[in-house]
Protein backbone atom coordinates (compact mmCIF):
# COMPACT_ATOMS: atom_id res chain seq x y z
CA GLN A 1 0.00 0.00 0.00
CA PRO A 2 1.54 3.25 -1.17
CA GLU A 3 0.85 5.16 2.06
CA TYR A 4 3.25 2.84 3.89
CA TYR A 5 6.13 3.04 1.39
CA PRO A 6 8.06 5.73 3.31
CA TRP A 7 8.24 3.36 6.29
CA HIS A 8 9.48 0.35 4.32
CA LYS A 9 13.12 1.43 4.40
CA LEU A 10 13.13 1.15 8.19
CA PHE A 11 12.59 -2.60 7.90
CA LEU A 12 14.83 -3.45 4.96
CA SER A 13 18.19 -5.08 5.57
CA ARG A 14 20.88 -6.82 3.53
CA GLU A 15 20.67 -9.95 5.68
CA ALA A 16 16.98 -10.56 4.96
CA LEU A 17 15.33 -12.91 2.52
CA TYR A 18 12.57 -11.04 0.71
CA LEU A 19 9.35 -12.81 -0.18
CA LEU A 20 7.42 -10.99 -2.89
CA VAL A 21 3.86 -12.16 -3.33
CA ALA A 22 1.59 -11.38 -6.27
CA ASP A 23 -1.96 -12.46 -7.08
CA LEU A 24 -1.91 -14.52 -10.30
CA SER A 25 -5.71 -14.37 -10.54
CA GLU A 26 -5.46 -10.64 -11.37
CA GLY A 27 -3.66 -11.48 -14.61
CA VAL A 28 -0.07 -11.68 -15.75
CA ASP A 29 0.30 -7.98 -16.60
CA GLU A 30 -0.93 -6.82 -13.19
CA CYS A 31 1.17 -9.46 -11.48
CA VAL A 32 4.35 -8.42 -13.29
CA ALA A 33 3.67 -4.70 -12.74
CA ALA A 34 3.27 -5.23 -8.98
CA LEU A 35 6.42 -7.37 -8.78
CA GLU A 36 8.50 -4.93 -10.85
CA GLU A 37 7.43 -2.06 -8.59
CA GLN A 38 8.52 -3.93 -5.47
CA LEU A 39 11.74 -5.12 -7.12
CA SER A 40 12.58 -1.51 -8.06
CA ILE A 41 12.09 -0.43 -4.45
CA LEU A 42 14.33 -3.27 -3.25
CA SER A 43 16.94 -2.49 -5.89
CA ALA A 44 17.17 1.10 -4.68
CA SER A 45 17.02 0.30 -0.96
CA VAL A 46 18.81 -3.05 -0.64
CA PRO A 47 21.23 -3.63 -3.54
CA GLY A 48 21.56 -7.32 -4.32
CA ALA A 49 18.58 -8.36 -2.18
CA VAL A 50 17.77 -12.08 -2.30
CA VAL A 51 14.17 -12.54 -3.39
CA LEU A 52 11.72 -15.44 -3.55
CA VAL A 53 8.67 -14.74 -5.69
CA VAL A 54 5.37 -16.49 -4.93
CA LEU A 55 2.35 -16.28 -7.21
CA THR A 56 -0.79 -16.80 -5.14
CA LYS A 57 -4.45 -17.64 -5.72
CA THR A 58 -3.58 -20.18 -8.38
CA ASP A 59 -6.79 -22.01 -7.49
CA LEU A 60 -8.75 -19.09 -8.99
CA VAL A 61 -7.03 -19.45 -12.37
CA ALA A 62 -8.09 -22.08 -14.91
CA LYS A 63 -5.83 -25.12 -14.42
CA ASP A 64 -4.73 -25.06 -18.05
CA LYS A 65 -3.62 -21.40 -17.69
CA VAL A 66 -1.67 -21.56 -14.40
CA GLY A 67 1.49 -23.08 -15.85
CA ALA A 68 1.55 -20.73 -18.82
CA GLY A 69 0.96 -17.74 -16.51
CA VAL A 70 3.82 -18.76 -14.25
CA VAL A 71 6.13 -19.22 -17.25
CA GLU A 72 5.22 -15.79 -18.63
CA VAL A 73 5.74 -14.04 -15.28
CA GLU A 74 9.06 -15.84 -14.84
CA GLN A 75 10.21 -14.88 -18.35
CA ARG A 76 9.25 -11.23 -17.87
CA LEU A 77 11.04 -11.03 -14.50
CA PHE A 78 14.13 -12.59 -16.03
CA GLU A 79 13.99 -9.97 -18.81
CA TRP A 80 13.48 -7.21 -16.20
CA CYS A 81 16.65 -8.30 -14.39
CA ASP A 82 18.61 -8.36 -17.65
CA SER A 83 17.35 -4.92 -18.69
CA ARG A 84 18.35 -3.48 -15.29
CA ARG A 85 21.86 -4.88 -15.66
CA LEU A 86 22.20 -3.58 -19.20
CA ARG A 87 20.94 -0.11 -18.22
CA ARG A 88 23.39 0.05 -15.31
CA ASN A 89 26.26 -1.18 -17.47
CA LYS A 90 25.58 1.50 -20.11
CA SER A 91 25.44 4.28 -17.52
CA ARG A 92 28.63 3.07 -15.83
CA ARG A 93 30.52 2.99 -19.12
CA GLY A 94 29.10 6.27 -20.39
CA GLY A 95 28.05 4.87 -23.74
CA PHE A 96 29.29 2.23 -26.08
CA GLU A 97 33.02 2.91 -26.17
CA GLU A 98 35.33 -0.05 -26.18
CA VAL A 99 36.54 -1.26 -22.77
CA ASP A 100 38.98 -3.98 -21.84
CA GLN A 101 37.72 -7.29 -20.44
CA GLU A 102 38.79 -6.57 -16.86
CA GLU A 103 36.97 -3.21 -16.81
CA GLU A 104 33.92 -4.85 -18.42
CA ALA A 105 33.86 -7.62 -15.79
CA SER A 106 34.09 -5.01 -13.03
CA ALA A 107 31.18 -3.00 -14.50
CA VAL A 108 29.04 -6.12 -14.90
CA ALA A 109 29.74 -7.20 -11.32
CA ALA A 110 28.81 -3.76 -9.98
CA ALA A 111 25.57 -3.69 -11.97
CA SER A 112 24.66 -7.24 -10.98
CA SER A 113 25.26 -6.54 -7.30
CA SER A 114 22.52 -3.90 -7.15
CA THR A 115 19.90 -5.87 -9.09
CA PRO A 116 17.72 -8.04 -6.83
CA ARG A 117 18.72 -11.69 -7.00
CA ILE A 118 15.46 -13.43 -7.82
CA GLN A 119 15.61 -17.10 -6.97
CA PHE A 120 14.21 -18.97 -9.95
CA PRO A 121 12.02 -20.90 -10.42
CA ILE A 122 9.32 -18.69 -8.97
CA LEU A 123 6.80 -20.43 -6.76
CA ARG A 124 3.04 -20.78 -6.98
CA ALA A 125 0.69 -21.31 -4.09
CA SER A 126 -2.93 -21.54 -3.06
CA SER A 127 -4.13 -21.01 0.48
CA ILE A 128 -7.32 -22.90 -0.37
CA THR A 129 -5.74 -26.09 -1.72
CA GLN A 130 -2.42 -25.62 0.16
CA GLU A 131 -0.62 -26.41 -3.10
CA GLY A 132 2.87 -24.90 -3.11
CA ILE A 133 2.91 -23.96 0.59
CA ALA A 134 5.34 -26.74 1.59
CA GLU A 135 7.68 -25.89 -1.29
CA ALA A 136 7.70 -22.21 -0.29
CA ARG A 137 8.47 -23.20 3.31
CA ASP A 138 11.28 -25.50 2.20
CA ARG A 139 12.84 -22.84 -0.03
CA MET A 140 12.73 -20.27 2.80
CA MET A 141 14.21 -22.74 5.27
CA GLY A 142 16.92 -23.66 2.78
CA ALA A 143 17.78 -19.99 2.41
CA ALA A 144 17.95 -19.53 6.18
CA THR A 145 20.14 -22.56 6.76
CA GLY A 146 22.21 -22.33 3.59
CA VAL A 147 21.15 -25.80 2.48
CA ALA A 148 21.76 -26.56 -1.19
CA GLY A 149 18.53 -26.49 -3.12
CA GLY A 150 17.12 -23.83 -0.82
CA LEU A 151 18.18 -21.12 -3.24
CA GLY A 152 19.50 -20.91 -6.75
CA SER A 153 23.00 -19.93 -7.71
CA PRO A 154 24.77 -17.02 -6.01
CA SER A 155 23.93 -14.77 -8.96
CA GLY A 156 20.30 -15.52 -8.35
CA ASN A 157 19.60 -16.03 -12.01
CA GLY A 158 21.70 -19.09 -12.63
CA GLY A 159 19.60 -21.86 -14.00
CA ALA A 160 16.86 -19.46 -15.07
CA ALA A 161 16.84 -20.81 -18.61
CA ALA A 162 16.56 -24.35 -17.27
CA SER A 163 13.88 -23.12 -14.90
CA LEU A 164 11.91 -21.64 -17.79
CA GLU A 165 12.19 -24.93 -19.67
CA THR A 166 11.02 -26.82 -16.58
CA SER A 167 8.15 -24.38 -16.07
CA ALA A 168 7.17 -24.67 -19.72
CA ALA A 169 7.19 -28.47 -19.48
CA ALA A 170 5.04 -28.29 -16.34
CA ALA A 171 2.63 -25.92 -18.12
CA GLU A 172 2.26 -28.38 -21.00
CA ALA A 173 1.74 -31.28 -18.59
CA SER A 174 -0.97 -29.42 -16.64
CA ALA A 175 -2.73 -28.42 -19.88
CA SER A 176 -3.03 -32.04 -21.00
């Protein structure tokens, strides 16, 4: 809620795991817009924040559309992260002049460190059917204890392409 935004910064810390929740039943565009807004706030307030994304109310979406919706949201968030990195890299370099590999690696690392590290694959859940609740709990516990499988790669986007393929396969399976 916008009236509480000024107070958010008081509760944000680098050591936290951020859980962003969006209502999939409102549609993919609304879902992505809400997530991008929160990710932008995190990017400005907590550079490199570790984020788990949960799409809720999946029970209110037609079963044959849930998987495709999740895949589309995941793809658009992945693209959002890439566009943020590219924008930061351009501004750090001051244009398109040629830079050596070491300088390029340094600029990429700096840009990547401020972009939220979304842990793909994103999760889906329903409070009515309880579907996805245990997986969300396990991913949060894995993050807290540092257990492998609790979070993705340190970059946060490692395995995203594989995740999108897995999500797409799951979408096809649920449609049939």
